Amino acid sequence: MEIYSRGSIVLSLAGRDSGRLFVILELRDNYALIADGRFHRIEKPKLKKLKHLSVKAADNIGEKPTNAELRRLTEKYNINLNEKEE
């Protein structure tokens, strides 16, 4: 059982964005509003089912994060994931 929370760095497991990292902005029932600051910006986050997400890390995001902050977070954790796989 994965623990989803605001600020969690998640990997998309399904859909055209599979394999990409996102940050959870908000949780709604069995869904999460996610954004990466690049393709899905804070102004228009993506609604995705929790079963299609895998938690990779947890981070602290402020009350109103910026798109640049989300890009930095996802890039930082993407580099860490690639190092672990090699």
C-alpha atoms as a PDB file:
ATOM      1  CA  MET A   1       0.000   0.000   0.000  1.00  0.00           C
ATOM      2  CA  GLU A   2       1.569   3.218  -1.134  1.00  0.00           C
ATOM      3  CA  ILE A   3       1.118   6.400   0.860  1.00  0.00           C
ATOM      4  CA  TYR A   4       0.073   9.290  -1.327  1.00  0.00           C
ATOM      5  CA  SER A   5       0.307  12.824   0.019  1.00  0.00           C
ATOM      6  CA  ARG A   6       0.665  16.380  -1.193  1.00  0.00           C
ATOM      7  CA  GLY A   7       4.221  16.879  -2.386  1.00  0.00           C
ATOM      8  CA  SER A   8       4.880  13.222  -3.223  1.00  0.00           C
ATOM      9  CA  ILE A   9       7.002  12.642  -6.318  1.00  0.00           C
ATOM     10  CA  VAL A  10       5.179  10.020  -8.378  1.00  0.00           C
ATOM     11  CA  LEU A  11       5.916   8.036 -11.519  1.00  0.00           C
ATOM     12  CA  SER A  12       3.112   7.696 -14.058  1.00  0.00           C
ATOM     13  CA  LEU A  13       2.515   4.018 -14.872  1.00  0.00           C
ATOM     14  CA  ALA A  14      -0.155   4.335 -17.573  1.00  0.00           C
ATOM     15  CA  GLY A  15      -1.236   6.608 -20.367  1.00  0.00           C
ATOM     16  CA  ARG A  16       0.684   8.701 -22.836  1.00  0.00           C
ATOM     17  CA  ASP A  17       2.684  10.232 -19.973  1.00  0.00           C
ATOM     18  CA  SER A  18       3.850   6.864 -18.577  1.00  0.00           C
ATOM     19  CA  GLY A  19       7.410   6.871 -17.310  1.00  0.00           C
ATOM     20  CA  ARG A  20       7.349  10.568 -16.406  1.00  0.00           C
ATOM     21  CA  LEU A  21       7.629  12.079 -12.930  1.00  0.00           C
ATOM     22  CA  PHE A  22       5.039  14.398 -11.419  1.00  0.00           C
ATOM     23  CA  VAL A  23       4.318  16.089  -8.099  1.00  0.00           C
ATOM     24  CA  ILE A  24       0.992  15.558  -6.328  1.00  0.00           C
ATOM     25  CA  LEU A  25      -0.723  18.897  -5.736  1.00  0.00           C
ATOM     26  CA  GLU A  26      -4.007  17.636  -4.335  1.00  0.00           C
ATOM     27  CA  LEU A  27      -5.793  14.368  -3.545  1.00  0.00           C
ATOM     28  CA  ARG A  28      -9.467  13.722  -4.379  1.00  0.00           C
ATOM     29  CA  ASP A  29     -10.954  10.325  -3.483  1.00  0.00           C
ATOM     30  CA  ASN A  30      -9.107   7.842  -5.753  1.00  0.00           C
ATOM     31  CA  TYR A  31      -7.584  10.590  -7.898  1.00  0.00           C
ATOM     32  CA  ALA A  32      -4.667  12.989  -7.675  1.00  0.00           C
ATOM     33  CA  LEU A  33      -4.103  16.342  -9.304  1.00  0.00           C
ATOM     34  CA  ILE A  34      -0.534  16.179 -10.597  1.00  0.00           C
ATOM     35  CA  ALA A  35       1.774  18.607 -12.357  1.00  0.00           C
ATOM     36  CA  ASP A  36       5.378  18.694 -13.525  1.00  0.00           C
ATOM     37  CA  GLY A  37       5.718  22.402 -14.283  1.00  0.00           C
ATOM     38  CA  ARG A  38       6.466  21.777 -17.944  1.00  0.00           C
ATOM     39  CA  PHE A  39       3.784  19.833 -19.826  1.00  0.00           C
ATOM     40  CA  HIS A  40       1.210  19.941 -17.036  1.00  0.00           C
ATOM     41  CA  ARG A  41       1.553  23.269 -15.324  1.00  0.00           C
ATOM     42  CA  ILE A  42       0.102  24.306 -11.964  1.00  0.00           C
ATOM     43  CA  GLU A  43      -2.546  26.367 -13.745  1.00  0.00           C
ATOM     44  CA  LYS A  44      -3.893  23.225 -15.461  1.00  0.00           C
ATOM     45  CA  PRO A  45      -2.900  20.080 -13.526  1.00  0.00           C
ATOM     46  CA  LYS A  46      -3.698  16.572 -14.739  1.00  0.00           C
ATOM     47  CA  LEU A  47      -6.280  14.442 -12.954  1.00  0.00           C
ATOM     48  CA  LYS A  48      -4.991  10.865 -12.690  1.00  0.00           C
ATOM     49  CA  LYS A  49      -6.159   7.748 -10.860  1.00  0.00           C
ATOM     50  CA  LEU A  50      -3.974   6.746  -7.924  1.00  0.00           C
ATOM     51  CA  LYS A  51      -3.678   3.174  -9.215  1.00  0.00           C
ATOM     52  CA  HIS A  52      -1.773   4.581 -12.224  1.00  0.00           C
ATOM     53  CA  LEU A  53       0.833   6.281 -10.009  1.00  0.00           C
ATOM     54  CA  SER A  54       3.796   4.930  -8.070  1.00  0.00           C
ATOM     55  CA  VAL A  55       5.319   6.975  -5.236  1.00  0.00           C
ATOM     56  CA  LYS A  56       9.074   7.403  -5.669  1.00  0.00           C
ATOM     57  CA  ALA A  57       9.877  10.057  -3.039  1.00  0.00           C
ATOM     58  CA  ALA A  58       8.329  12.639  -0.769  1.00  0.00           C
ATOM     59  CA  ASP A  59       9.252  16.276  -0.685  1.00  0.00           C
ATOM     60  CA  ASN A  60       7.976  19.415   0.959  1.00  0.00           C
ATOM     61  CA  ILE A  61       6.334  21.840  -1.420  1.00  0.00           C
ATOM     62  CA  GLY A  62       5.171  25.225  -0.250  1.00  0.00           C
ATOM     63  CA  GLU A  63       1.617  26.458  -0.062  1.00  0.00           C
ATOM     64  CA  LYS A  64       1.855  27.909  -3.592  1.00  0.00           C
ATOM     65  CA  PRO A  65       4.668  26.207  -5.511  1.00  0.00           C
ATOM     66  CA  THR A  66       5.775  27.615  -8.850  1.00  0.00           C
ATOM     67  CA  ASN A  67       6.196  25.768 -12.132  1.00  0.00           C
ATOM     68  CA  ALA A  68       9.966  26.301 -11.871  1.00  0.00           C
ATOM     69  CA  GLU A  69      10.027  24.610  -8.442  1.00  0.00           C
ATOM     70  CA  LEU A  70       8.120  21.613  -9.804  1.00  0.00           C
ATOM     71  CA  ARG A  71      10.510  21.338 -12.760  1.00  0.00           C
ATOM     72  CA  ARG A  72      13.511  21.381 -10.420  1.00  0.00           C
ATOM     73  CA  LEU A  73      11.975  18.696  -8.188  1.00  0.00           C
ATOM     74  CA  THR A  74      11.080  16.333 -11.019  1.00  0.00           C
ATOM     75  CA  GLU A  75      14.473  16.808 -12.704  1.00  0.00           C
ATOM     76  CA  LYS A  76      16.303  16.190  -9.415  1.00  0.00           C
ATOM     77  CA  TYR A  77      14.449  12.950  -8.728  1.00  0.00           C
ATOM     78  CA  ASN A  78      14.614  11.855 -12.366  1.00  0.00           C
ATOM     79  CA  ILE A  79      18.418  12.038 -12.187  1.00  0.00           C
ATOM     80  CA  ASN A  80      18.379  10.032  -8.935  1.00  0.00           C
ATOM     81  CA  LEU A  81      16.127   7.353 -10.465  1.00  0.00           C
ATOM     82  CA  ASN A  82      18.389   7.004 -13.511  1.00  0.00           C
ATOM     83  CA  GLU A  83      21.465   6.565 -11.290  1.00  0.00           C
ATOM     84  CA  LYS A  84      19.764   3.815  -9.276  1.00  0.00           C
ATOM     85  CA  GLU A  85      18.813   1.882 -12.423  1.00  0.00           C
ATOM     86  CA  GLU A  86      22.379   1.774 -13.764  1.00  0.00           C
END
